[in-house]
C-alpha cells in the first residue's frame, strides 16, 4: 500500500487542491495517483486509458479538468508532445527537472538531463539580465528507430 504524505508529490498535490478550495473528488484523486506513477510526461488520453474500467470510472472531461486545475496550481507542466497533443508532467518543488527529445514520427519522448545545458541557460539569462524562474527545452527530430 502506498502511503500518501505531504512529502510525496501526490500528497502535496492533494493538499494544494484542498487549500485552493477543491474537494477531494474521485476523479481528481485518480488523476493525481495516475500522474504520480509516471516519471515523465503523459498525455491526457494515456491517463484516461490507464483509468478506464478502474474503480473511479474517470471520464475524459474529468481528466482534462483535473489536469487544467493541477497546471493552474503549478503542480504539473504542459509539454507540447506533437501537433495538438500535450503531455503533462509533475513539477518537483525543488526545481529538479529534465528536458525532452521528441520524435516527430512516432511521438516517442526521451527525457534527458545535461548540467552543461543548465549552465549555458544560466549564462544566457545573466547576459540578458533576466531572472528566469522556469524553462523547458524540447528537442524535436527522429528517434533511432524512425531514423533507420
Protein backbone atom coordinates (compact mmCIF):
# COMPACT_ATOMS: atom_id res chain seq x y z
CA UNK A 1 0.00 0.00 0.00
CA UNK A 2 1.30 3.44 -0.97
CA UNK A 3 1.36 5.87 1.95
CA UNK A 4 0.40 9.39 0.93
CA UNK A 5 2.15 12.11 2.90
CA UNK A 6 2.85 15.74 2.15
CA UNK A 7 6.45 14.61 1.49
CA UNK A 8 5.30 12.95 -1.75
CA UNK A 9 4.22 14.78 -4.90
CA UNK A 10 0.86 13.09 -4.58
CA UNK A 11 0.40 14.33 -1.00
CA UNK A 12 1.48 17.87 -1.89
CA UNK A 13 -0.93 17.88 -4.85
CA UNK A 14 -3.89 16.72 -2.76
CA UNK A 15 -3.06 19.31 -0.09
CA UNK A 16 -2.73 22.11 -2.67
CA UNK A 17 -6.09 21.23 -4.22
CA UNK A 18 -7.71 21.30 -0.78
CA UNK A 19 -6.12 24.70 0.03
CA UNK A 20 -7.42 26.02 -3.30
CA UNK A 21 -10.95 25.00 -2.33
CA UNK A 22 -11.30 21.89 -4.47
CA UNK A 23 -12.95 18.84 -2.97
CA UNK A 24 -11.03 15.59 -2.83
CA UNK A 25 -13.12 14.07 -5.60
CA UNK A 26 -12.67 10.62 -7.04
CA UNK A 27 -11.65 11.88 -10.47
CA UNK A 28 -9.07 14.40 -9.21
CA UNK A 29 -7.58 11.87 -6.81
CA UNK A 30 -7.46 9.21 -9.54
CA UNK A 31 -5.67 11.59 -11.93
CA UNK A 32 -3.18 12.59 -9.24
CA UNK A 33 -2.49 8.94 -8.40
CA UNK A 34 -2.01 8.12 -12.09
CA UNK A 35 0.39 11.03 -12.69
CA UNK A 36 2.33 10.07 -9.55
CA UNK A 37 3.11 6.69 -11.16
CA UNK A 38 4.87 8.34 -14.13
CA UNK A 39 8.44 9.65 -14.16
CA UNK A 40 7.95 11.59 -17.38
CA UNK A 41 5.17 13.37 -19.24
CA UNK A 42 1.97 11.50 -20.01
CA UNK A 43 -0.92 12.58 -22.23
CA UNK A 44 -4.48 13.01 -21.04
CA UNK A 45 -5.56 10.22 -23.37
CA UNK A 46 -2.95 7.88 -21.89
CA UNK A 47 -4.19 8.74 -18.40
CA UNK A 48 -7.78 8.12 -19.45
CA UNK A 49 -6.80 4.76 -20.95
CA UNK A 50 -5.00 3.75 -17.74
CA UNK A 51 -8.01 4.62 -15.63
CA UNK A 52 -10.63 3.13 -17.94
CA UNK A 53 -12.50 0.37 -16.21
CA UNK A 54 -10.97 1.18 -12.85
CA UNK A 55 -12.89 1.79 -9.66
CA UNK A 56 -13.06 5.54 -10.26
CA UNK A 57 -14.53 5.34 -13.78
CA UNK A 58 -12.95 8.66 -14.74
CA UNK A 59 -14.21 10.23 -17.95
CA UNK A 60 -12.23 12.26 -20.48
CA UNK A 61 -13.71 15.61 -19.44
CA UNK A 62 -12.80 14.93 -15.80
CA UNK A 63 -9.21 14.06 -16.76
CA UNK A 64 -8.81 17.31 -18.72
CA UNK A 65 -10.45 19.37 -15.97
CA UNK A 66 -8.19 17.84 -13.29
CA UNK A 67 -5.08 18.43 -15.44
CA UNK A 68 -6.11 22.05 -16.02
CA UNK A 69 -6.56 22.57 -12.27
CA UNK A 70 -3.22 20.91 -11.48
CA UNK A 71 -1.47 23.06 -14.10
CA UNK A 72 -3.12 26.20 -12.74
CA UNK A 73 -1.75 25.37 -9.29
CA UNK A 74 1.76 24.80 -10.69
CA UNK A 75 1.71 21.09 -9.85
CA UNK A 76 2.13 19.85 -13.41
CA UNK A 77 3.61 21.41 -16.50
CA UNK A 78 2.27 21.07 -20.03
CA UNK A 79 4.67 19.89 -22.72
CA UNK A 80 3.78 20.01 -26.40
CA UNK A 81 4.40 16.41 -27.47
CA UNK A 82 3.32 16.72 -31.11
CA UNK A 83 0.88 18.78 -33.12
CA UNK A 84 -2.16 19.31 -30.93
CA UNK A 85 -1.15 16.79 -28.25
CA UNK A 86 0.17 17.81 -24.88
CA UNK A 87 1.88 15.77 -22.21
CA UNK A 88 1.66 16.61 -18.53
CA UNK A 89 4.47 16.11 -16.07
CA UNK A 90 4.81 16.54 -12.32
CA UNK A 91 6.60 19.68 -11.14
CA UNK A 92 9.23 18.98 -8.49
CA UNK A 93 9.14 21.74 -5.84
CA UNK A 94 12.94 21.54 -5.52
CA UNK A 95 13.28 22.70 -9.12
CA UNK A 96 14.89 19.44 -10.25
CA UNK A 97 13.73 18.70 -13.77
CA UNK A 98 14.64 17.13 -17.06
CA UNK A 99 14.10 18.02 -20.69
CA UNK A 100 12.75 16.04 -23.61
CA UNK A 101 13.71 14.84 -27.07
CA UNK A 102 10.55 14.01 -29.01
CA UNK A 103 10.38 12.00 -32.24
CA UNK A 104 8.33 13.80 -34.87
CA UNK A 105 7.26 10.49 -36.47
CA UNK A 106 6.30 8.14 -33.62
CA UNK A 107 5.96 10.64 -30.76
CA UNK A 108 8.44 8.77 -28.57
CA UNK A 109 9.62 11.02 -25.75
CA UNK A 110 13.12 10.59 -24.34
CA UNK A 111 13.91 12.51 -21.14
CA UNK A 112 17.43 13.88 -20.68
CA UNK A 113 19.44 15.97 -18.23
CA UNK A 114 22.59 17.91 -19.03
CA UNK A 115 24.37 20.11 -16.45
CA UNK A 116 26.22 21.93 -19.27
CA UNK A 117 22.90 22.93 -20.82
CA UNK A 118 21.70 24.25 -17.45
CA UNK A 119 24.88 26.32 -17.06
CA UNK A 120 24.52 27.65 -20.62
CA UNK A 121 20.92 28.70 -19.92
CA UNK A 122 22.04 30.45 -16.71
CA UNK A 123 24.76 32.23 -18.71
CA UNK A 124 22.27 33.40 -21.35
CA UNK A 125 19.86 34.63 -18.67
CA UNK A 126 22.69 36.51 -16.93
CA UNK A 127 23.81 38.14 -20.16
CA UNK A 128 20.22 39.30 -20.71
CA UNK A 129 19.82 40.46 -17.09
CA UNK A 130 16.77 38.24 -16.99
CA UNK A 131 15.58 36.37 -13.89
CA UNK A 132 14.49 33.00 -15.28
CA UNK A 133 12.06 31.28 -12.94
CA UNK A 134 11.50 28.23 -15.14
CA UNK A 135 12.46 26.86 -18.51
CA UNK A 136 11.71 23.94 -20.78
CA UNK A 137 13.90 22.57 -23.57
CA UNK A 138 12.36 20.28 -26.18
CA UNK A 139 14.42 18.77 -28.97
CA UNK A 140 12.42 17.52 -31.96
CA UNK A 141 13.66 15.18 -34.63
CA UNK A 142 13.80 11.47 -35.38
CA UNK A 143 14.48 8.79 -32.78
CA UNK A 144 16.88 5.99 -33.58
CA UNK A 145 14.01 3.63 -34.52
CA UNK A 146 12.41 6.05 -37.01
CA UNK A 147 15.72 7.27 -38.46
CA UNK A 148 16.58 3.75 -39.67
